[in-house]
N, C-alpha and C. Protein backbone atom coordinates (compact mmCIF):
# COMPACT_ATOMS: atom_id res chain seq x y z
N UNK A 1 0.31 -1.31 -0.04
CA UNK A 1 0.50 0.19 0.30
C UNK A 1 0.71 1.06 0.38
N UNK A 2 0.19 2.51 -0.64
CA UNK A 2 1.39 3.36 -0.75
C UNK A 2 1.39 4.33 0.13
N UNK A 3 2.05 5.18 0.78
CA UNK A 3 2.00 6.16 1.98
C UNK A 3 0.56 6.60 1.33
N UNK A 4 -0.43 7.53 2.16
CA UNK A 4 -1.37 8.13 1.54
C UNK A 4 -1.48 10.08 1.86
N UNK A 5 -0.84 9.52 3.32
CA UNK A 5 0.09 11.03 4.03
C UNK A 5 1.58 11.48 4.22
N UNK A 6 1.39 12.81 3.61
CA UNK A 6 3.21 12.33 4.30
C UNK A 6 2.99 13.65 5.04
N UNK A 7 2.50 14.74 4.53
CA UNK A 7 2.43 15.73 4.82
C UNK A 7 0.79 16.66 5.60
N UNK A 8 0.82 16.26 7.32
CA UNK A 8 -0.17 16.76 7.56
C UNK A 8 -1.27 17.81 7.56
N UNK A 9 0.13 19.24 7.88
CA UNK A 9 -0.02 20.72 7.75
C UNK A 9 -0.03 21.18 6.35
N UNK A 10 -0.53 21.45 5.57
CA UNK A 10 -0.32 21.57 4.27
C UNK A 10 -1.02 23.64 3.74
N UNK A 11 -1.65 23.50 5.12
CA UNK A 11 -1.80 24.77 5.03
C UNK A 11 -2.87 25.82 3.42
N UNK A 12 -3.49 24.57 3.31
CA UNK A 12 -4.26 25.02 1.84
C UNK A 12 -5.74 24.85 2.61
N UNK A 13 -6.01 25.10 3.86
CA UNK A 13 -7.41 25.54 3.61
C UNK A 13 -7.09 26.73 5.05
N UNK A 14 -6.31 27.15 4.89
CA UNK A 14 -6.68 28.46 6.45
C UNK A 14 -7.26 29.47 5.72
N UNK A 15 -7.77 29.80 4.27
CA UNK A 15 -8.56 30.60 3.69
C UNK A 15 -10.48 30.23 3.55
N UNK A 16 -9.83 28.91 4.56
CA UNK A 16 -11.85 28.61 4.56
C UNK A 16 -11.92 27.27 3.78
N UNK A 17 -11.37 27.39 2.41
CA UNK A 17 -11.71 25.96 1.83
C UNK A 17 -10.52 25.16 2.30
N UNK A 18 -11.41 23.39 1.28
CA UNK A 18 -11.04 22.55 1.16
C UNK A 18 -11.16 21.57 0.37
N UNK A 19 -9.90 20.37 0.17
CA UNK A 19 -10.17 19.66 -1.15
C UNK A 19 -11.04 18.77 -0.48
N UNK A 20 -11.65 17.78 -2.11
CA UNK A 20 -12.29 16.81 -2.14
C UNK A 20 -12.17 16.07 -2.80
N UNK A 21 -12.37 14.42 -2.49
CA UNK A 21 -11.70 13.14 -2.97
C UNK A 21 -11.87 13.37 -4.52
N UNK A 22 -11.91 14.41 -5.41
CA UNK A 22 -12.64 14.62 -6.62
C UNK A 22 -11.04 15.72 -7.11
N UNK A 23 -10.60 16.44 -6.30
CA UNK A 23 -9.32 17.63 -6.42
C UNK A 23 -10.12 18.53 -6.10
N UNK A 24 -11.88 18.68 -6.43
CA UNK A 24 -12.10 20.53 -6.65
C UNK A 24 -12.60 21.05 -5.37
N UNK A 25 -12.15 22.07 -4.89
CA UNK A 25 -11.97 23.25 -3.58
C UNK A 25 -13.75 23.91 -3.36
N UNK A 26 -13.78 23.51 -1.80
CA UNK A 26 -15.20 23.84 -1.32
C UNK A 26 -15.13 24.74 -0.39
N UNK A 27 -16.01 24.98 0.66
CA UNK A 27 -16.10 26.02 1.46
C UNK A 27 -16.50 25.36 2.35
N UNK A 28 -15.59 24.80 3.80
CA UNK A 28 -15.54 24.28 4.57
C UNK A 28 -17.29 24.21 5.37
N UNK A 29 -17.98 25.24 5.79
CA UNK A 29 -19.43 25.52 5.81
C UNK A 29 -20.29 24.56 4.87
N UNK A 30 -19.83 24.23 3.59
CA UNK A 30 -21.02 23.33 3.30
C UNK A 30 -20.95 22.55 3.93
N UNK A 31 -22.33 21.60 3.38
CA UNK A 31 -23.40 20.91 3.94
C UNK A 31 -22.62 19.00 3.74
N UNK A 32 -20.99 18.64 2.54
CA UNK A 32 -20.92 18.27 2.16
C UNK A 32 -19.61 17.87 3.21
N UNK A 33 -19.89 19.11 3.45
CA UNK A 33 -18.48 18.65 5.08
C UNK A 33 -19.18 18.58 5.79
N UNK A 34 -19.93 18.92 6.31
CA UNK A 34 -19.87 18.81 7.56
C UNK A 34 -20.85 17.70 7.84
N UNK A 35 -21.64 17.20 6.58
CA UNK A 35 -21.35 15.19 6.80
C UNK A 35 -20.50 14.70 6.83
N UNK A 36 -19.51 15.11 6.19
CA UNK A 36 -18.04 14.09 6.35
C UNK A 36 -18.07 14.33 7.73
N UNK A 37 -17.45 15.12 8.34
CA UNK A 37 -17.59 16.10 9.82
C UNK A 37 -17.59 14.97 10.73
N UNK A 38 -19.11 15.11 10.65
CA UNK A 38 -20.39 14.22 11.59
C UNK A 38 -20.45 12.57 11.47
N UNK A 39 -20.04 11.97 9.81
CA UNK A 39 -19.73 10.80 10.25
C UNK A 39 -18.01 10.58 11.03
N UNK A 40 -17.46 11.21 10.92
CA UNK A 40 -16.23 11.16 11.48
C UNK A 40 -16.13 11.66 13.08
N UNK A 41 -16.79 11.57 13.46
CA UNK A 41 -17.46 12.07 14.83
C UNK A 41 -17.64 11.12 15.24
N UNK A 42 -19.08 10.27 14.82
CA UNK A 42 -19.94 9.08 14.76
C UNK A 42 -18.15 7.83 14.60
N UNK A 43 -17.46 7.94 14.00
CA UNK A 43 -16.33 6.86 13.99
C UNK A 43 -15.25 6.61 14.50
N UNK A 44 -15.42 8.36 15.44
CA UNK A 44 -14.17 8.55 16.95
C UNK A 44 -15.70 7.95 17.39
N UNK A 45 -16.38 8.07 18.06
CA UNK A 45 -17.57 7.94 19.39
C UNK A 45 -17.25 5.63 19.47
N UNK A 46 -17.21 5.99 18.44
CA UNK A 46 -17.18 4.14 17.93
C UNK A 46 -15.80 3.63 18.75
N UNK A 47 -14.73 4.86 18.25
CA UNK A 47 -13.41 4.28 18.62
C UNK A 47 -13.29 4.24 20.17
N UNK A 48 -13.87 4.82 20.42
CA UNK A 48 -13.65 5.24 22.36
C UNK A 48 -14.69 4.98 22.74
N UNK A 49 -16.44 4.53 22.06
CA UNK A 49 -16.55 3.02 22.67
C UNK A 49 -15.77 1.75 22.84
N UNK A 50 -15.04 1.35 21.96
CA UNK A 50 -14.40 0.26 22.18
C UNK A 50 -12.95 -0.12 22.89
N UNK A 51 -12.70 1.78 23.16
CA UNK A 51 -11.41 1.56 24.29
C UNK A 51 -12.56 0.47 25.61
N UNK A 52 -13.79 0.20 25.21
CA UNK A 52 -14.42 -0.29 27.28
C UNK A 52 -14.07 -1.94 26.97
N UNK A 53 -14.01 -1.88 27.75
CA UNK A 53 -14.07 -3.79 28.38
C UNK A 53 -15.40 -5.03 27.55
N UNK A 54 -15.58 -5.24 25.94
CA UNK A 54 -17.19 -5.53 25.07
C UNK A 54 -16.30 -6.41 25.21
N UNK A 55 -17.59 -7.83 24.94
CA UNK A 55 -17.33 -9.19 24.45
C UNK A 55 -17.34 -8.70 22.77
N UNK A 56 -16.43 -10.16 22.67
CA UNK A 56 -15.45 -10.14 21.11
C UNK A 56 -16.83 -9.65 19.65
N UNK A 57 -17.99 -10.40 20.72
CA UNK A 57 -18.92 -10.36 19.50
C UNK A 57 -18.85 -8.49 18.71
N UNK A 58 -19.29 -8.01 20.50
CA UNK A 58 -19.83 -6.38 20.17
C UNK A 58 -18.73 -5.62 19.25
N UNK A 59 -17.58 -5.95 20.32
CA UNK A 59 -16.22 -5.27 19.78
C UNK A 59 -16.08 -5.60 17.51
N UNK A 60 -16.10 -7.06 17.52
CA UNK A 60 -15.25 -7.19 16.29
C UNK A 60 -16.64 -6.41 15.86
N UNK A 61 -17.73 -6.45 15.69
CA UNK A 61 -18.60 -5.49 15.26
C UNK A 61 -18.87 -4.52 14.50
N UNK A 62 -18.50 -3.76 15.91
CA UNK A 62 -18.13 -1.99 15.87
C UNK A 62 -17.06 -2.00 15.03
N UNK A 63 -15.80 -2.85 15.28
CA UNK A 63 -14.93 -3.13 14.40
C UNK A 63 -15.51 -2.72 12.96
N UNK A 64 -15.86 -3.67 12.46
CA UNK A 64 -16.72 -3.93 10.91
C UNK A 64 -17.34 -2.24 10.75
N UNK A 65 -17.83 -2.04 11.69
CA UNK A 65 -19.07 -0.74 11.65
C UNK A 65 -18.04 0.20 11.18
N UNK A 66 -16.47 0.30 11.94
CA UNK A 66 -15.95 1.46 11.74
C UNK A 66 -14.50 1.62 10.54
N UNK A 67 -15.14 -0.03 9.30
CA UNK A 67 -13.97 0.41 8.66
C UNK A 67 -15.69 1.07 7.06
N UNK A 68 -16.40 0.43 7.91
CA UNK A 68 -17.77 0.54 7.08
C UNK A 68 -18.01 2.25 6.83
N UNK A 69 -18.51 2.75 8.32
CA UNK A 69 -17.80 4.61 7.91
C UNK A 69 -17.30 4.82 7.26
N UNK A 70 -15.68 4.97 7.36
CA UNK A 70 -14.80 5.57 7.00
C UNK A 70 -14.92 5.43 5.55
N UNK A 71 -15.52 3.76 5.12
CA UNK A 71 -15.97 4.20 3.22
C UNK A 71 -17.11 4.95 3.35
N UNK A 72 -17.99 4.91 3.96
CA UNK A 72 -18.97 5.68 4.07
C UNK A 72 -18.04 7.43 3.59
N UNK A 73 -17.11 7.46 4.86
CA UNK A 73 -16.28 8.80 3.70
C UNK A 73 -15.45 9.07 3.43
N UNK A 74 -15.43 8.22 2.15
CA UNK A 74 -14.89 8.43 1.26
C UNK A 74 -15.92 8.70 0.32
N UNK A 75 -16.96 8.31 0.34
CA UNK A 75 -18.73 7.87 -0.92
C UNK A 75 -18.86 9.74 -0.21
N UNK A 76 -18.57 10.26 0.28
CA UNK A 76 -19.27 11.68 1.04
C UNK A 76 -16.92 12.72 0.39
N UNK A 77 -16.51 12.35 0.37
CA UNK A 77 -15.68 13.12 -0.55
C UNK A 77 -15.72 13.09 -1.68
N UNK A 78 -15.57 12.76 -2.61
CA UNK A 78 -15.74 12.00 -4.19
C UNK A 78 -17.69 11.93 -4.66
N UNK A 79 -17.23 13.49 -4.11
CA UNK A 79 -19.15 12.93 -5.08
C UNK A 79 -19.21 12.34 -6.67
N UNK A 80 -20.66 11.32 -6.33
CA UNK A 80 -21.15 10.91 -7.00
C UNK A 80 -20.56 8.95 -7.19
N UNK A 81 -19.67 9.06 -6.41
CA UNK A 81 -18.31 8.09 -5.86
C UNK A 81 -19.47 7.04 -4.79
N UNK A 82 -20.26 5.76 -5.08
CA UNK A 82 -20.65 4.84 -4.77
C UNK A 82 -19.76 3.47 -3.66
N UNK A 83 -19.48 3.50 -2.84
CA UNK A 83 -18.80 2.69 -1.94
C UNK A 83 -19.48 1.38 -0.97
N UNK A 84 -21.05 2.56 -0.20
CA UNK A 84 -21.68 0.78 0.87
C UNK A 84 -22.53 0.94 -0.43
N UNK A 85 -23.37 -1.14 -0.15
CA UNK A 85 -24.14 -1.12 -1.10
C UNK A 85 -25.16 -1.75 -0.29
N UNK A 86 -26.85 -1.96 -0.84
CA UNK A 86 -27.32 -2.61 -0.41
C UNK A 86 -27.12 -4.18 0.71
N UNK A 87 -25.72 -4.75 0.71
CA UNK A 87 -25.94 -5.89 1.89
C UNK A 87 -25.45 -5.22 2.96
N UNK A 88 -24.30 -4.25 3.33
CA UNK A 88 -23.95 -3.27 3.44
C UNK A 88 -24.98 -3.62 4.70
N UNK A 89 -25.85 -2.41 4.03
CA UNK A 89 -27.42 -2.14 4.82
C UNK A 89 -28.21 -3.74 5.49
N UNK A 90 -28.23 -4.77 4.60
CA UNK A 90 -28.35 -5.84 4.94
C UNK A 90 -28.33 -6.74 6.25
N UNK A 91 -26.84 -6.53 6.30
CA UNK A 91 -25.89 -7.21 7.40
C UNK A 91 -26.58 -6.62 9.10
N UNK A 92 -26.23 -4.57 8.67
CA UNK A 92 -26.63 -4.26 10.11
C UNK A 92 -28.26 -4.60 10.19
N UNK A 93 -29.55 -5.01 9.76
CA UNK A 93 -30.43 -5.52 10.08
C UNK A 93 -30.42 -7.28 10.29
N UNK A 94 -29.67 -8.16 9.85
CA UNK A 94 -29.39 -8.58 10.53
C UNK A 94 -29.13 -8.96 11.68
N UNK A 95 -27.30 -7.92 12.12
CA UNK A 95 -26.89 -7.34 13.52
C UNK A 95 -28.01 -7.53 14.67
N UNK A 96 -28.69 -6.07 13.86
CA UNK A 96 -30.52 -5.63 14.96
C UNK A 96 -31.62 -7.26 15.08
N UNK A 97 -31.48 -7.96 14.31
CA UNK A 97 -32.41 -8.91 15.11
C UNK A 97 -31.86 -9.71 15.13
N UNK A 98 -30.39 -10.03 15.07
CA UNK A 98 -29.35 -11.12 15.78
C UNK A 98 -29.95 -11.24 17.70
N UNK A 99 -29.12 -9.17 17.60
CA UNK A 99 -29.67 -8.97 19.07
C UNK A 99 -30.55 -8.57 19.82
N UNK A 100 -31.76 -7.84 19.03
CA UNK A 100 -32.94 -7.29 19.63
C UNK A 100 -33.87 -8.57 20.45
N UNK A 101 -33.04 -10.45 19.38
CA UNK A 101 -33.77 -11.71 20.20
C UNK A 101 -34.04 -11.98 21.22
N UNK A 102 -32.70 -11.16 22.01
CA UNK A 102 -32.54 -11.68 23.43
C UNK A 102 -33.26 -10.89 24.31
N UNK A 103 -33.30 -9.18 24.04
CA UNK A 103 -33.87 -8.87 25.23
C UNK A 103 -35.62 -8.71 25.27
N UNK A 104 -35.97 -8.30 26.19
CA UNK A 104 -37.31 -8.04 26.55
C UNK A 104 -38.04 -7.10 25.67
N UNK A 105 -39.44 -7.33 25.50
CA UNK A 105 -40.14 -6.10 24.62
C UNK A 105 -40.19 -4.87 25.49
N UNK A 106 -40.22 -3.64 24.92
CA UNK A 106 -39.68 -2.51 25.66
C UNK A 106 -40.87 -2.10 26.38
N UNK A 107 -41.13 -1.52 27.42
CA UNK A 107 -42.56 -0.85 27.99
C UNK A 107 -42.82 -0.36 27.95
N UNK A 108 -41.43 0.77 28.17
CA UNK A 108 -41.29 2.46 28.43
C UNK A 108 -40.08 3.00 27.57
N UNK A 109 -40.10 4.43 27.24
CA UNK A 109 -39.35 4.41 27.12
C UNK A 109 -37.57 4.38 28.23
N UNK A 110 -37.01 4.71 27.09
CA UNK A 110 -35.21 4.06 27.84
C UNK A 110 -33.95 5.68 27.85
N UNK A 111 -34.38 5.81 28.98
CA UNK A 111 -33.39 7.37 28.42
C UNK A 111 -32.17 6.75 28.81
N UNK A 112 -30.35 7.76 27.86
CA UNK A 112 -29.34 7.31 27.91
C UNK A 112 -29.14 6.88 29.27
N UNK A 113 -28.14 5.50 29.65
CA UNK A 113 -27.39 5.05 31.39
C UNK A 113 -26.92 3.80 31.26
N UNK A 114 -27.26 3.73 32.44
CA UNK A 114 -26.87 1.92 32.89
C UNK A 114 -25.52 2.02 32.93
N UNK A 115 -25.06 1.14 32.80
CA UNK A 115 -23.33 0.57 32.10
C UNK A 115 -23.23 2.02 31.74
N UNK A 116 -21.37 2.16 31.53
CA UNK A 116 -20.85 3.16 30.75
C UNK A 116 -20.76 2.66 29.47
N UNK A 117 -20.55 1.26 29.17
CA UNK A 117 -21.37 0.76 27.52
C UNK A 117 -21.95 1.36 26.86
N UNK A 118 -23.04 1.10 27.84
CA UNK A 118 -24.62 1.51 27.01
C UNK A 118 -24.33 2.91 27.33
N UNK A 119 -24.39 3.67 27.41
CA UNK A 119 -23.69 5.31 27.44
C UNK A 119 -23.41 5.21 26.56
N UNK A 120 -22.30 4.93 26.20
CA UNK A 120 -21.60 5.30 25.21
C UNK A 120 -21.79 4.80 23.99
N UNK A 121 -22.64 3.66 24.20
CA UNK A 121 -23.75 3.70 22.69
C UNK A 121 -24.73 4.55 22.94
N UNK A 122 -25.66 4.81 24.28
CA UNK A 122 -25.92 5.81 23.82
C UNK A 122 -25.66 7.12 22.57
N UNK A 123 -24.88 7.12 23.24
CA UNK A 123 -23.99 8.55 22.65
C UNK A 123 -23.65 8.62 21.67
N UNK A 124 -23.22 7.37 20.14
CA UNK A 124 -22.50 6.92 19.46
C UNK A 124 -24.72 7.07 19.03
N UNK A 125 -25.61 6.63 19.37
CA UNK A 125 -26.61 6.39 18.74
C UNK A 125 -26.96 8.15 17.94
N UNK A 126 -26.72 8.95 19.69
CA UNK A 126 -27.53 10.49 19.04
C UNK A 126 -26.46 10.13 18.08
N UNK A 127 -25.09 10.44 18.32
CA UNK A 127 -24.40 11.63 17.04
C UNK A 127 -24.47 10.98 15.47
N UNK A 128 -25.00 9.43 15.66
CA UNK A 128 -25.26 9.17 14.11
C UNK A 128 -26.59 9.53 12.99
N UNK A 129 -27.61 9.53 14.59
CA UNK A 129 -28.79 10.22 14.27
C UNK A 129 -28.86 11.90 13.59
N UNK A 130 -27.49 12.59 13.71
CA UNK A 130 -26.68 13.79 13.77
C UNK A 130 -26.07 13.30 12.05
N UNK A 131 -25.85 12.72 12.18
CA UNK A 131 -24.71 12.42 10.61
C UNK A 131 -25.64 11.88 9.61
N UNK A 132 -26.08 11.28 10.55
CA UNK A 132 -28.13 11.16 9.43
C UNK A 132 -28.79 12.05 8.28
N UNK A 133 -28.88 13.29 9.53
CA UNK A 133 -29.53 14.62 9.25
C UNK A 133 -28.71 15.25 8.74
N UNK A 134 -27.45 14.92 8.88
CA UNK A 134 -26.03 15.80 8.10
C UNK A 134 -26.80 15.38 6.31
N UNK A 135 -26.28 13.78 6.20
CA UNK A 135 -26.03 13.61 4.90
C UNK A 135 -27.10 13.56 4.19
N UNK A 136 -28.80 13.53 4.84
CA UNK A 136 -29.63 13.33 4.33
C UNK A 136 -30.14 15.32 3.93
N UNK A 137 -29.29 15.99 4.81
CA UNK A 137 -30.14 17.49 4.02
C UNK A 137 -28.95 17.69 3.05
N UNK A 138 -27.41 17.58 2.80
CA UNK A 138 -26.37 17.12 1.85
C UNK A 138 -26.81 16.50 0.66
N UNK A 139 -27.75 15.39 0.40
CA UNK A 139 -28.77 14.80 -0.24
C UNK A 139 -29.74 15.58 -0.78
N UNK A 140 -29.92 16.47 -0.31
CA UNK A 140 -31.36 16.80 -0.12
C UNK A 140 -31.44 17.96 -1.58
N UNK A 141 -30.13 18.58 -0.82
CA UNK A 141 -29.38 19.47 -1.08
C UNK A 141 -28.72 19.75 -2.78
N UNK A 142 -27.60 18.40 -2.80
CA UNK A 142 -27.11 18.21 -4.03
C UNK A 142 -27.73 17.51 -5.37
N UNK A 143 -28.74 16.79 -4.65
CA UNK A 143 -30.10 15.56 -5.51
C UNK A 143 -28.84 14.99 -5.81
N UNK A 144 -28.91 14.48 -7.00
CA UNK A 144 -28.64 12.71 -7.78
C UNK A 144 -27.28 12.57 -7.60
N UNK A 145 -26.72 13.73 -7.17
CA UNK A 145 -24.65 13.63 -7.33
C UNK A 145 -24.71 13.73 -5.20
N UNK A 146 -25.53 13.75 -4.45
CA UNK A 146 -25.35 13.69 -3.24
C UNK A 146 -24.98 12.78 -2.90
N UNK A 147 -25.78 11.24 -2.03
CA UNK A 147 -24.99 10.59 -1.66
C UNK A 147 -26.11 9.64 -2.21
N UNK A 148 -25.64 7.84 -2.40
CA UNK A 148 -26.59 6.94 -2.34
C UNK A 148 -28.36 6.55 -1.36
N UNK A 149 -28.68 5.98 -1.82
CA UNK A 149 -29.66 5.55 -0.57
C UNK A 149 -29.29 4.97 -0.10
N UNK A 150 -28.44 3.21 -0.12
CA UNK A 150 -28.32 2.85 0.81
C UNK A 150 -27.38 3.46 2.29
N UNK A 151 -26.61 4.43 1.19
CA UNK A 151 -25.84 4.93 2.65
C UNK A 151 -26.49 6.01 3.58
N UNK A 152 -27.73 6.38 3.06
CA UNK A 152 -28.37 7.31 3.79
C UNK A 152 -29.77 5.78 4.77
N UNK A 153 -29.46 5.07 3.92
CA UNK A 153 -30.11 3.87 4.92
C UNK A 153 -28.96 3.46 5.87
N UNK A 154 -28.15 3.47 5.81
CA UNK A 154 -26.71 2.50 6.62
C UNK A 154 -27.04 3.36 8.22
N UNK A 155 -26.86 4.37 7.82
CA UNK A 155 -27.28 5.09 8.90
C UNK A 155 -27.96 5.07 9.73
N UNK A 156 -28.97 5.33 8.93
CA UNK A 156 -31.03 5.11 9.63
C UNK A 156 -30.99 3.47 10.70
N UNK A 157 -30.26 2.79 9.65
CA UNK A 157 -29.83 1.38 10.60
C UNK A 157 -28.78 1.50 12.40
N UNK A 158 -28.03 1.91 11.88
CA UNK A 158 -26.55 1.92 12.66
C UNK A 158 -27.00 2.82 14.01
N UNK A 159 -27.92 3.30 13.39
CA UNK A 159 -28.27 4.41 14.85
C UNK A 159 -29.66 2.60 15.81
N UNK A 160 -30.65 2.85 15.29
CA UNK A 160 -31.22 1.09 15.75
C UNK A 160 -29.89 0.09 16.41
N UNK A 161 -29.50 -0.20 15.86
CA UNK A 161 -28.68 -1.31 16.44
C UNK A 161 -27.63 -0.76 17.60
N UNK A 162 -27.61 -0.03 17.70
CA UNK A 162 -26.34 1.19 18.82
C UNK A 162 -27.42 1.29 20.30
N UNK A 163 -28.84 1.29 19.42
CA UNK A 163 -30.21 1.55 20.46
C UNK A 163 -29.97 0.05 20.61
N UNK A 164 -30.51 -1.29 20.32
CA UNK A 164 -29.75 -2.19 20.81
C UNK A 164 -28.46 -2.70 21.81
N UNK A 165 -27.82 -2.84 20.70
CA UNK A 165 -26.34 -2.84 21.73
C UNK A 165 -26.77 -2.03 22.97
N UNK A 166 -27.06 -0.94 23.30
CA UNK A 166 -26.92 -0.26 24.93
C UNK A 166 -28.11 -1.39 25.64
N UNK A 167 -29.01 -1.58 25.34
CA UNK A 167 -29.73 -2.29 25.78
C UNK A 167 -28.58 -4.20 26.23
N UNK A 168 -28.60 -4.61 25.54
CA UNK A 168 -27.36 -5.88 25.02
C UNK A 168 -26.62 -5.20 26.36
N UNK A 169 -26.34 -4.08 26.42
CA UNK A 169 -24.71 -4.44 26.94
C UNK A 169 -24.92 -4.56 28.67
N UNK A 170 -26.64 -3.68 28.32
CA UNK A 170 -26.73 -3.43 30.19
C UNK A 170 -27.27 -4.63 30.68
N UNK A 171 -28.17 -6.01 29.48
CA UNK A 171 -28.45 -7.02 29.81
C UNK A 171 -27.18 -7.79 30.51
N UNK A 172 -26.27 -7.89 29.80
CA UNK A 172 -25.26 -8.52 29.88
C UNK A 172 -24.43 -8.26 31.50
N UNK A 173 -24.72 -7.10 31.31
CA UNK A 173 -23.79 -6.70 32.88
C UNK A 173 -24.98 -6.82 34.44
N UNK A 174 -26.13 -7.16 33.65
CA UNK A 174 -26.99 -7.26 34.72
C UNK A 174 -27.55 -6.37 35.57
N UNK A 175 -27.41 -5.37 34.10
CA UNK A 175 -27.93 -3.77 35.01
C UNK A 175 -29.52 -3.24 34.05
N UNK A 176 -29.34 -2.93 34.58
CA UNK A 176 -31.10 -2.50 33.98
C UNK A 176 -31.17 -1.41 33.21
N UNK A 177 -31.75 -1.97 32.03
CA UNK A 177 -32.19 0.04 31.76
C UNK A 177 -33.06 0.84 32.57
N UNK A 178 -32.13 2.20 31.57
CA UNK A 178 -32.98 3.38 33.17
C UNK A 178 -34.46 3.61 32.09
N UNK A 179 -34.96 3.39 32.58
CA UNK A 179 -36.96 3.48 32.31
C UNK A 179 -36.87 5.28 32.15
N UNK A 180 -38.00 5.81 31.23
CA UNK A 180 -38.27 7.50 31.39
C UNK A 180 -39.67 7.43 32.15
N UNK A 181 -39.22 7.71 33.54
CA UNK A 181 -40.71 8.01 34.25
C UNK A 181 -41.53 9.05 34.23
N UNK A 182 -42.47 8.96 34.25
CA UNK A 182 -43.57 9.63 34.27
C UNK A 182 -43.94 10.56 34.85
N UNK A 183 -43.78 9.89 35.87
CA UNK A 183 -43.45 11.10 37.36
C UNK A 183 -42.24 11.19 37.71
N UNK A 184 -41.44 12.29 37.43
CA UNK A 184 -40.31 11.92 38.25
C UNK A 184 -40.41 12.61 39.08
N UNK A 185 -39.10 11.65 39.82
CA UNK A 185 -39.36 11.55 41.51
C UNK A 185 -38.36 12.60 41.64
N UNK A 186 -38.73 12.68 42.59
CA UNK A 186 -38.50 14.77 43.56
C UNK A 186 -37.67 14.17 44.32
């Protein structure tokens, strides 16, 4: 594999512009750059989550997702480029179903919390929802050159998976989910 970056500080962004993978330069406040940043932040949150002591199956799952998110970043960085496909969305659907199968039926809304790994899963879920909103806004603004349908679907399913994994992590730790109370305790 060739060296991808030899110089980190290029100073080419000092004027508020940045380069895309196709060589074009755009303002750093465009919707595309915001979407790229939100997906990058999501990948960083997953990296933080993975520093916890997680069961191998969940850590392996999150590792594969990090690679998918990097691919999504490439898709966002190169207008018109497609990387994620429907099979990756189906893979997430399978993971959601497998993990959800061990959980009890939801009787009430759940607040973020429980164990630290579960709380980090909820943090990843909320960052994922923001990334999804950014990608959808970018796609709406740019039309056909925006982003593929599977890329948008991937983020939608990933936020669902993060929610399910939060519950699984609490269950495996013997911790109850934090349920929303209609009448808050005083």
